Amino acid sequence: MNRYETVTLIQQMEHARQHLHDLYEEYGFGHACVLEQSMLLDELINQYNRMYQTRKQPHHVLDQNINNDDVMFSTSSPFSLCKTMTSPA
């Protein structure tokens, strides 16, 4: 995974984290929709960790500010338990 892919993965993680927060605010902690989003975020974090365990690279991207407007990540799937939430423009 190159540096651009790493930044994209971090952006996806941040977008998924924010979406999880929004769902929690709307539905509460135990709702299936919130749990589904939490599992999605967990998988992104696992991907990130596997990338660094395999390559033994330093986490050089973590200190950078990431512009969330560039995120191109969809949390919707045909099996999603949640309605699609749109972010404010």
PDB file of N, CA and C in Angstrom:
ATOM      1  N   MET A   1       0.842  -1.172   0.000  1.00  0.00           N
ATOM      2  CA  MET A   1       0.000   0.000   0.000  1.00  0.00           C
ATOM      3  C   MET A   1       0.887   1.235   0.000  1.00  0.00           C
ATOM      4  N   ASN A   2       0.662   2.128  -0.942  1.00  0.00           N
ATOM      5  CA  ASN A   2       1.496   3.323  -1.001  1.00  0.00           C
ATOM      6  C   ASN A   2       0.944   4.424  -0.085  1.00  0.00           C
ATOM      7  N   ARG A   3       1.632   5.538  -0.056  1.00  0.00           N
ATOM      8  CA  ARG A   3       1.271   6.636   0.851  1.00  0.00           C
ATOM      9  C   ARG A   3      -0.131   7.172   0.559  1.00  0.00           C
ATOM     10  N   TYR A   4      -0.504   7.287  -0.726  1.00  0.00           N
ATOM     11  CA  TYR A   4      -1.833   7.781  -1.079  1.00  0.00           C
ATOM     12  C   TYR A   4      -2.914   6.828  -0.565  1.00  0.00           C
ATOM     13  N   GLU A   5      -2.684   5.542  -0.713  1.00  0.00           N
ATOM     14  CA  GLU A   5      -3.656   4.560  -0.223  1.00  0.00           C
ATOM     15  C   GLU A   5      -3.765   4.608   1.296  1.00  0.00           C
ATOM     16  N   THR A   6      -2.659   4.863   1.974  1.00  0.00           N
ATOM     17  CA  THR A   6      -2.673   4.991   3.429  1.00  0.00           C
ATOM     18  C   THR A   6      -3.507   6.181   3.850  1.00  0.00           C
ATOM     19  N   VAL A   7      -3.308   7.319   3.191  1.00  0.00           N
ATOM     20  CA  VAL A   7      -4.089   8.512   3.514  1.00  0.00           C
ATOM     21  C   VAL A   7      -5.566   8.246   3.255  1.00  0.00           C
ATOM     22  N   THR A   8      -5.881   7.581   2.147  1.00  0.00           N
ATOM     23  CA  THR A   8      -7.268   7.261   1.835  1.00  0.00           C
ATOM     24  C   THR A   8      -7.871   6.354   2.906  1.00  0.00           C
ATOM     25  N   LEU A   9      -7.137   5.375   3.371  1.00  0.00           N
ATOM     26  CA  LEU A   9      -7.626   4.486   4.413  1.00  0.00           C
ATOM     27  C   LEU A   9      -7.881   5.265   5.705  1.00  0.00           C
ATOM     28  N   ILE A  10      -6.995   6.161   6.045  1.00  0.00           N
ATOM     29  CA  ILE A  10      -7.180   6.977   7.241  1.00  0.00           C
ATOM     30  C   ILE A  10      -8.404   7.874   7.083  1.00  0.00           C
ATOM     31  N   GLN A  11      -8.608   8.409   5.898  1.00  0.00           N
ATOM     32  CA  GLN A  11      -9.803   9.215   5.641  1.00  0.00           C
ATOM     33  C   GLN A  11     -11.064   8.362   5.783  1.00  0.00           C
ATOM     34  N   GLN A  12     -11.014   7.147   5.284  1.00  0.00           N
ATOM     35  CA  GLN A  12     -12.155   6.244   5.413  1.00  0.00           C
ATOM     36  C   GLN A  12     -12.438   5.946   6.883  1.00  0.00           C
ATOM     37  N   MET A  13     -11.384   5.743   7.663  1.00  0.00           N
ATOM     38  CA  MET A  13     -11.545   5.481   9.088  1.00  0.00           C
ATOM     39  C   MET A  13     -12.188   6.680   9.779  1.00  0.00           C
ATOM     40  N   GLU A  14     -11.744   7.872   9.459  1.00  0.00           N
ATOM     41  CA  GLU A  14     -12.303   9.079  10.074  1.00  0.00           C
ATOM     42  C   GLU A  14     -13.760   9.267   9.665  1.00  0.00           C
ATOM     43  N   HIS A  15     -14.072   9.036   8.396  1.00  0.00           N
ATOM     44  CA  HIS A  15     -15.454   9.150   7.934  1.00  0.00           C
ATOM     45  C   HIS A  15     -16.331   8.124   8.645  1.00  0.00           C
ATOM     46  N   ALA A  16     -15.860   6.891   8.763  1.00  0.00           N
ATOM     47  CA  ALA A  16     -16.615   5.837   9.439  1.00  0.00           C
ATOM     48  C   ALA A  16     -16.800   6.164  10.917  1.00  0.00           C
ATOM     49  N   ARG A  17     -15.791   6.752  11.549  1.00  0.00           N
ATOM     50  CA  ARG A  17     -15.884   7.144  12.960  1.00  0.00           C
ATOM     51  C   ARG A  17     -16.940   8.226  13.145  1.00  0.00           C
ATOM     52  N   GLN A  18     -16.934   9.222  12.254  1.00  0.00           N
ATOM     53  CA  GLN A  18     -17.913  10.298  12.353  1.00  0.00           C
ATOM     54  C   GLN A  18     -19.322   9.765  12.107  1.00  0.00           C
ATOM     55  N   HIS A  19     -19.455   8.866  11.131  1.00  0.00           N
ATOM     56  CA  HIS A  19     -20.754   8.274  10.833  1.00  0.00           C
ATOM     57  C   HIS A  19     -21.253   7.466  12.036  1.00  0.00           C
ATOM     58  N   LEU A  20     -20.359   6.744  12.695  1.00  0.00           N
ATOM     59  CA  LEU A  20     -20.706   5.992  13.898  1.00  0.00           C
ATOM     60  C   LEU A  20     -21.211   6.947  14.977  1.00  0.00           C
ATOM     61  N   HIS A  21     -20.530   8.041  15.163  1.00  0.00           N
ATOM     62  CA  HIS A  21     -20.941   9.038  16.159  1.00  0.00           C
ATOM     63  C   HIS A  21     -22.341   9.568  15.840  1.00  0.00           C
ATOM     64  N   ASP A  22     -22.574   9.887  14.564  1.00  0.00           N
ATOM     65  CA  ASP A  22     -23.885  10.406  14.147  1.00  0.00           C
ATOM     66  C   ASP A  22     -24.993   9.381  14.396  1.00  0.00           C
ATOM     67  N   LEU A  23     -24.715   8.123  14.070  1.00  0.00           N
ATOM     68  CA  LEU A  23     -25.705   7.072  14.293  1.00  0.00           C
ATOM     69  C   LEU A  23     -25.979   6.877  15.778  1.00  0.00           C
ATOM     70  N   TYR A  24     -24.927   6.937  16.581  1.00  0.00           N
ATOM     71  CA  TYR A  24     -25.090   6.814  18.034  1.00  0.00           C
ATOM     72  C   TYR A  24     -25.988   7.931  18.570  1.00  0.00           C
ATOM     73  N   GLU A  25     -25.747   9.147  18.098  1.00  0.00           N
ATOM     74  CA  GLU A  25     -26.557  10.282  18.536  1.00  0.00           C
ATOM     75  C   GLU A  25     -28.028  10.097  18.157  1.00  0.00           C
ATOM     76  N   GLU A  26     -28.283   9.494  16.992  1.00  0.00           N
ATOM     77  CA  GLU A  26     -29.651   9.324  16.519  1.00  0.00           C
ATOM     78  C   GLU A  26     -30.354   8.107  17.126  1.00  0.00           C
ATOM     79  N   TYR A  27     -29.639   6.969  17.247  1.00  0.00           N
ATOM     80  CA  TYR A  27     -30.275   5.718  17.618  1.00  0.00           C
ATOM     81  C   TYR A  27     -29.922   5.201  19.009  1.00  0.00           C
ATOM     82  N   GLY A  28     -28.837   5.655  19.588  1.00  0.00           N
ATOM     83  CA  GLY A  28     -28.402   5.117  20.866  1.00  0.00           C
ATOM     84  C   GLY A  28     -27.423   3.968  20.681  1.00  0.00           C
ATOM     85  N   PHE A  29     -26.880   3.507  21.787  1.00  0.00           N
ATOM     86  CA  PHE A  29     -25.760   2.572  21.763  1.00  0.00           C
ATOM     87  C   PHE A  29     -26.103   1.186  21.228  1.00  0.00           C
ATOM     88  N   GLY A  30     -27.240   0.613  21.604  1.00  0.00           N
ATOM     89  CA  GLY A  30     -27.502  -0.790  21.299  1.00  0.00           C
ATOM     90  C   GLY A  30     -28.216  -1.061  19.988  1.00  0.00           C
ATOM     91  N   HIS A  31     -28.497  -0.058  19.214  1.00  0.00           N
ATOM     92  CA  HIS A  31     -29.230  -0.254  17.960  1.00  0.00           C
ATOM     93  C   HIS A  31     -28.375  -1.027  16.961  1.00  0.00           C
ATOM     94  N   ALA A  32     -29.017  -1.905  16.193  1.00  0.00           N
ATOM     95  CA  ALA A  32     -28.310  -2.728  15.213  1.00  0.00           C
ATOM     96  C   ALA A  32     -27.539  -1.889  14.201  1.00  0.00           C
ATOM     97  N   CYS A  33     -28.077  -0.756  13.852  1.00  0.00           N
ATOM     98  CA  CYS A  33     -27.437   0.138  12.895  1.00  0.00           C
ATOM     99  C   CYS A  33     -26.087   0.641  13.435  1.00  0.00           C
ATOM    100  N   VAL A  34     -26.071   0.976  14.712  1.00  0.00           N
ATOM    101  CA  VAL A  34     -24.847   1.463  15.354  1.00  0.00           C
ATOM    102  C   VAL A  34     -23.818   0.336  15.445  1.00  0.00           C
ATOM    103  N   LEU A  35     -24.282  -0.842  15.793  1.00  0.00           N
ATOM    104  CA  LEU A  35     -23.370  -1.991  15.892  1.00  0.00           C
ATOM    105  C   LEU A  35     -22.780  -2.345  14.530  1.00  0.00           C
ATOM    106  N   GLU A  36     -23.594  -2.266  13.487  1.00  0.00           N
ATOM    107  CA  GLU A  36     -23.107  -2.541  12.138  1.00  0.00           C
ATOM    108  C   GLU A  36     -22.009  -1.549  11.739  1.00  0.00           C
ATOM    109  N   GLN A  37     -22.224  -0.277  12.027  1.00  0.00           N
ATOM    110  CA  GLN A  37     -21.223   0.738  11.691  1.00  0.00           C
ATOM    111  C   GLN A  37     -19.962   0.554  12.520  1.00  0.00           C
ATOM    112  N   SER A  38     -20.128   0.155  13.769  1.00  0.00           N
ATOM    113  CA  SER A  38     -18.975  -0.104  14.628  1.00  0.00           C
ATOM    114  C   SER A  38     -18.119  -1.243  14.064  1.00  0.00           C
ATOM    115  N   MET A  39     -18.774  -2.286  13.557  1.00  0.00           N
ATOM    116  CA  MET A  39     -18.038  -3.400  12.962  1.00  0.00           C
ATOM    117  C   MET A  39     -17.320  -2.960  11.688  1.00  0.00           C
ATOM    118  N   LEU A  40     -17.930  -2.078  10.922  1.00  0.00           N
ATOM    119  CA  LEU A  40     -17.286  -1.566   9.715  1.00  0.00           C
ATOM    120  C   LEU A  40     -16.028  -0.769  10.083  1.00  0.00           C
ATOM    121  N   LEU A  41     -16.142   0.080  11.094  1.00  0.00           N
ATOM    122  CA  LEU A  41     -14.979   0.844  11.559  1.00  0.00           C
ATOM    123  C   LEU A  41     -13.899  -0.100  12.088  1.00  0.00           C
ATOM    124  N   ASP A  42     -14.293  -1.122  12.823  1.00  0.00           N
ATOM    125  CA  ASP A  42     -13.320  -2.105  13.324  1.00  0.00           C
ATOM    126  C   ASP A  42     -12.547  -2.742  12.176  1.00  0.00           C
ATOM    127  N   GLU A  43     -13.241  -3.088  11.099  1.00  0.00           N
ATOM    128  CA  GLU A  43     -12.568  -3.717   9.963  1.00  0.00           C
ATOM    129  C   GLU A  43     -11.571  -2.762   9.315  1.00  0.00           C
ATOM    130  N   LEU A  44     -11.924  -1.488   9.189  1.00  0.00           N
ATOM    131  CA  LEU A  44     -10.980  -0.508   8.634  1.00  0.00           C
ATOM    132  C   LEU A  44      -9.743  -0.383   9.523  1.00  0.00           C
ATOM    133  N   ILE A  45      -9.953  -0.359  10.824  1.00  0.00           N
ATOM    134  CA  ILE A  45      -8.826  -0.279  11.762  1.00  0.00           C
ATOM    135  C   ILE A  45      -7.954  -1.531  11.647  1.00  0.00           C
ATOM    136  N   ASN A  46      -8.593  -2.684  11.518  1.00  0.00           N
ATOM    137  CA  ASN A  46      -7.835  -3.924  11.345  1.00  0.00           C
ATOM    138  C   ASN A  46      -7.017  -3.905  10.052  1.00  0.00           C
ATOM    139  N   GLN A  47      -7.599  -3.401   8.972  1.00  0.00           N
ATOM    140  CA  GLN A  47      -6.862  -3.275   7.707  1.00  0.00           C
ATOM    141  C   GLN A  47      -5.634  -2.402   7.899  1.00  0.00           C
ATOM    142  N   TYR A  48      -5.813  -1.279   8.572  1.00  0.00           N
ATOM    143  CA  TYR A  48      -4.709  -0.352   8.814  1.00  0.00           C
ATOM    144  C   TYR A  48      -3.611  -1.030   9.639  1.00  0.00           C
ATOM    145  N   ASN A  49      -4.011  -1.712  10.690  1.00  0.00           N
ATOM    146  CA  ASN A  49      -3.024  -2.392  11.541  1.00  0.00           C
ATOM    147  C   ASN A  49      -2.307  -3.513  10.804  1.00  0.00           C
ATOM    148  N   ARG A  50      -3.039  -4.281   9.996  1.00  0.00           N
ATOM    149  CA  ARG A  50      -2.398  -5.350   9.216  1.00  0.00           C
ATOM    150  C   ARG A  50      -1.369  -4.775   8.247  1.00  0.00           C
ATOM    151  N   MET A  51      -1.675  -3.635   7.668  1.00  0.00           N
ATOM    152  CA  MET A  51      -0.766  -3.008   6.722  1.00  0.00           C
ATOM    153  C   MET A  51       0.581  -2.711   7.402  1.00  0.00           C
ATOM    154  N   TYR A  52       0.550  -2.207   8.625  1.00  0.00           N
ATOM    155  CA  TYR A  52       1.786  -1.860   9.311  1.00  0.00           C
ATOM    156  C   TYR A  52       2.456  -3.059   9.956  1.00  0.00           C
ATOM    157  N   GLN A  53       1.706  -4.066  10.326  1.00  0.00           N
ATOM    158  CA  GLN A  53       2.328  -5.278  10.858  1.00  0.00           C
ATOM    159  C   GLN A  53       3.103  -5.992   9.767  1.00  0.00           C
ATOM    160  N   THR A  54       2.564  -5.991   8.560  1.00  0.00           N
ATOM    161  CA  THR A  54       3.202  -6.667   7.431  1.00  0.00           C
ATOM    162  C   THR A  54       4.466  -5.948   6.995  1.00  0.00           C
ATOM    163  N   ARG A  55       4.403  -4.647   6.902  1.00  0.00           N
ATOM    164  CA  ARG A  55       5.519  -3.876   6.363  1.00  0.00           C
ATOM    165  C   ARG A  55       6.454  -3.320   7.425  1.00  0.00           C
ATOM    166  N   LYS A  56       6.025  -3.315   8.665  1.00  0.00           N
ATOM    167  CA  LYS A  56       6.835  -2.763   9.758  1.00  0.00           C
ATOM    168  C   LYS A  56       7.229  -1.315   9.476  1.00  0.00           C
ATOM    169  N   GLN A  57       6.291  -0.556   8.958  1.00  0.00           N
ATOM    170  CA  GLN A  57       6.540   0.851   8.638  1.00  0.00           C
ATOM    171  C   GLN A  57       6.117   1.728   9.807  1.00  0.00           C
ATOM    172  N   PRO A  58       6.743   2.893   9.930  1.00  0.00           N
ATOM    173  CA  PRO A  58       6.287   3.844  10.951  1.00  0.00           C
ATOM    174  C   PRO A  58       4.951   4.436  10.538  1.00  0.00           C
ATOM    175  N   HIS A  59       4.206   4.894  11.510  1.00  0.00           N
ATOM    176  CA  HIS A  59       2.906   5.515  11.246  1.00  0.00           C
ATOM    177  C   HIS A  59       3.100   6.995  10.917  1.00  0.00           C
ATOM    178  N   HIS A  60       3.737   7.270   9.780  1.00  0.00           N
ATOM    179  CA  HIS A  60       4.097   8.640   9.417  1.00  0.00           C
ATOM    180  C   HIS A  60       2.913   9.503   9.036  1.00  0.00           C
ATOM    181  N   VAL A  61       1.764   8.935   8.744  1.00  0.00           N
ATOM    182  CA  VAL A  61       0.627   9.701   8.262  1.00  0.00           C
ATOM    183  C   VAL A  61      -0.240  10.199   9.417  1.00  0.00           C
ATOM    184  N   LEU A  62      -0.130   9.593  10.584  1.00  0.00           N
ATOM    185  CA  LEU A  62      -1.037   9.913  11.670  1.00  0.00           C
ATOM    186  C   LEU A  62      -0.946  11.358  12.127  1.00  0.00           C
ATOM    187  N   ASP A  63       0.182  11.999  11.973  1.00  0.00           N
ATOM    188  CA  ASP A  63       0.346  13.367  12.428  1.00  0.00           C
ATOM    189  C   ASP A  63      -0.173  14.398  11.441  1.00  0.00           C
ATOM    190  N   GLN A  64      -0.592  13.970  10.270  1.00  0.00           N
ATOM    191  CA  GLN A  64      -1.068  14.906   9.254  1.00  0.00           C
ATOM    192  C   GLN A  64      -2.542  15.207   9.463  1.00  0.00           C
ATOM    193  N   ASN A  65      -2.938  16.434   9.104  1.00  0.00           N
ATOM    194  CA  ASN A  65      -4.354  16.773   9.091  1.00  0.00           C
ATOM    195  C   ASN A  65      -4.957  16.222   7.812  1.00  0.00           C
ATOM    196  N   ILE A  66      -6.140  15.676   7.937  1.00  0.00           N
ATOM    197  CA  ILE A  66      -6.796  15.066   6.788  1.00  0.00           C
ATOM    198  C   ILE A  66      -8.059  15.861   6.480  1.00  0.00           C
ATOM    199  N   ASN A  67      -8.219  16.200   5.213  1.00  0.00           N
ATOM    200  CA  ASN A  67      -9.380  16.950   4.773  1.00  0.00           C
ATOM    201  C   ASN A  67     -10.500  15.968   4.471  1.00  0.00           C
ATOM    202  N   ASN A  68     -11.543  15.958   5.293  1.00  0.00           N
ATOM    203  CA  ASN A  68     -12.638  15.008   5.138  1.00  0.00           C
ATOM    204  C   ASN A  68     -13.465  15.256   3.890  1.00  0.00           C
ATOM    205  N   ASP A  69     -13.335  16.410   3.260  1.00  0.00           N
ATOM    206  CA  ASP A  69     -14.090  16.682   2.040  1.00  0.00           C
ATOM    207  C   ASP A  69     -13.631  15.800   0.893  1.00  0.00           C
ATOM    208  N   ASP A  70     -12.437  15.257   0.976  1.00  0.00           N
ATOM    209  CA  ASP A  70     -11.903  14.429  -0.101  1.00  0.00           C
ATOM    210  C   ASP A  70     -12.276  12.956   0.048  1.00  0.00           C
ATOM    211  N   VAL A  71     -13.008  12.638   1.092  1.00  0.00           N
ATOM    212  CA  VAL A  71     -13.333  11.236   1.344  1.00  0.00           C
ATOM    213  C   VAL A  71     -14.326  10.740   0.316  1.00  0.00           C
ATOM    214  N   MET A  72     -13.992   9.610  -0.299  1.00  0.00           N
ATOM    215  CA  MET A  72     -14.890   8.984  -1.261  1.00  0.00           C
ATOM    216  C   MET A  72     -15.170   7.592  -0.739  1.00  0.00           C
ATOM    217  N   PHE A  73     -15.988   7.514   0.309  1.00  0.00           N
ATOM    218  CA  PHE A  73     -16.237   6.256   0.978  1.00  0.00           C
ATOM    219  C   PHE A  73     -17.715   6.128   1.239  1.00  0.00           C
ATOM    220  N   SER A  74     -18.297   5.033   0.822  1.00  0.00           N
ATOM    221  CA  SER A  74     -19.719   4.802   1.011  1.00  0.00           C
ATOM    222  C   SER A  74     -19.924   3.749   2.082  1.00  0.00           C
ATOM    223  N   THR A  75     -20.760   4.059   3.067  1.00  0.00           N
ATOM    224  CA  THR A  75     -21.060   3.093   4.110  1.00  0.00           C
ATOM    225  C   THR A  75     -22.341   2.349   3.806  1.00  0.00           C
ATOM    226  N   SER A  76     -22.986   2.670   2.697  1.00  0.00           N
ATOM    227  CA  SER A  76     -24.237   1.985   2.395  1.00  0.00           C
ATOM    228  C   SER A  76     -23.955   0.685   1.657  1.00  0.00           C
ATOM    229  N   SER A  77     -24.784  -0.299   1.924  1.00  0.00           N
ATOM    230  CA  SER A  77     -24.710  -1.575   1.234  1.00  0.00           C
ATOM    231  C   SER A  77     -26.130  -2.082   1.082  1.00  0.00           C
ATOM    232  N   PRO A  78     -26.351  -3.034   0.194  1.00  0.00           N
ATOM    233  CA  PRO A  78     -27.716  -3.543   0.033  1.00  0.00           C
ATOM    234  C   PRO A  78     -28.244  -4.206   1.303  1.00  0.00           C
ATOM    235  N   PHE A  79     -27.343  -4.575   2.225  1.00  0.00           N
ATOM    236  CA  PHE A  79     -27.747  -5.263   3.434  1.00  0.00           C
ATOM    237  C   PHE A  79     -27.692  -4.367   4.666  1.00  0.00           C
ATOM    238  N   SER A  80     -27.509  -3.079   4.470  1.00  0.00           N
ATOM    239  CA  SER A  80     -27.375  -2.158   5.585  1.00  0.00           C
ATOM    240  C   SER A  80     -28.664  -2.075   6.393  1.00  0.00           C
ATOM    241  N   LEU A  81     -28.524  -2.001   7.702  1.00  0.00           N
ATOM    242  CA  LEU A  81     -29.675  -1.881   8.584  1.00  0.00           C
ATOM    243  C   LEU A  81     -30.065  -0.422   8.784  1.00  0.00           C
ATOM    244  N   CYS A  82     -29.276   0.483   8.256  1.00  0.00           N
ATOM    245  CA  CYS A  82     -29.470   1.912   8.495  1.00  0.00           C
ATOM    246  C   CYS A  82     -29.903   2.636   7.235  1.00  0.00           C
ATOM    247  N   LYS A  83     -30.618   3.720   7.455  1.00  0.00           N
ATOM    248  CA  LYS A  83     -30.895   4.587   6.327  1.00  0.00           C
ATOM    249  C   LYS A  83     -29.619   5.327   5.991  1.00  0.00           C
ATOM    250  N   THR A  84     -29.469   5.746   4.747  1.00  0.00           N
ATOM    251  CA  THR A  84     -28.292   6.477   4.327  1.00  0.00           C
ATOM    252  C   THR A  84     -28.379   7.897   4.854  1.00  0.00           C
ATOM    253  N   MET A  85     -27.329   8.329   5.525  1.00  0.00           N
ATOM    254  CA  MET A  85     -27.289   9.686   6.065  1.00  0.00           C
ATOM    255  C   MET A  85     -26.433  10.529   5.137  1.00  0.00           C
ATOM    256  N   THR A  86     -26.908  11.693   4.830  1.00  0.00           N
ATOM    257  CA  THR A  86     -26.139  12.591   3.981  1.00  0.00           C
ATOM    258  C   THR A  86     -25.441  13.609   4.853  1.00  0.00           C
ATOM    259  N   SER A  87     -24.241  13.976   4.454  1.00  0.00           N
ATOM    260  CA  SER A  87     -23.505  14.972   5.211  1.00  0.00           C
ATOM    261  C   SER A  87     -23.893  16.352   4.719  1.00  0.00           C
ATOM    262  N   PRO A  88     -23.896  17.342   5.612  1.00  0.00           N
ATOM    263  CA  PRO A  88     -24.265  18.700   5.211  1.00  0.00           C
ATOM    264  C   PRO A  88     -23.284  19.260   4.201  1.00  0.00           C
ATOM    265  N   ALA A  89     -23.791  19.968   3.237  1.00  0.00           N
ATOM    266  CA  ALA A  89     -22.940  20.532   2.174  1.00  0.00           C
ATOM    267  C   ALA A  89     -22.325  21.828   2.607  1.00  0.00           C
TER     268      ALA A  89
END
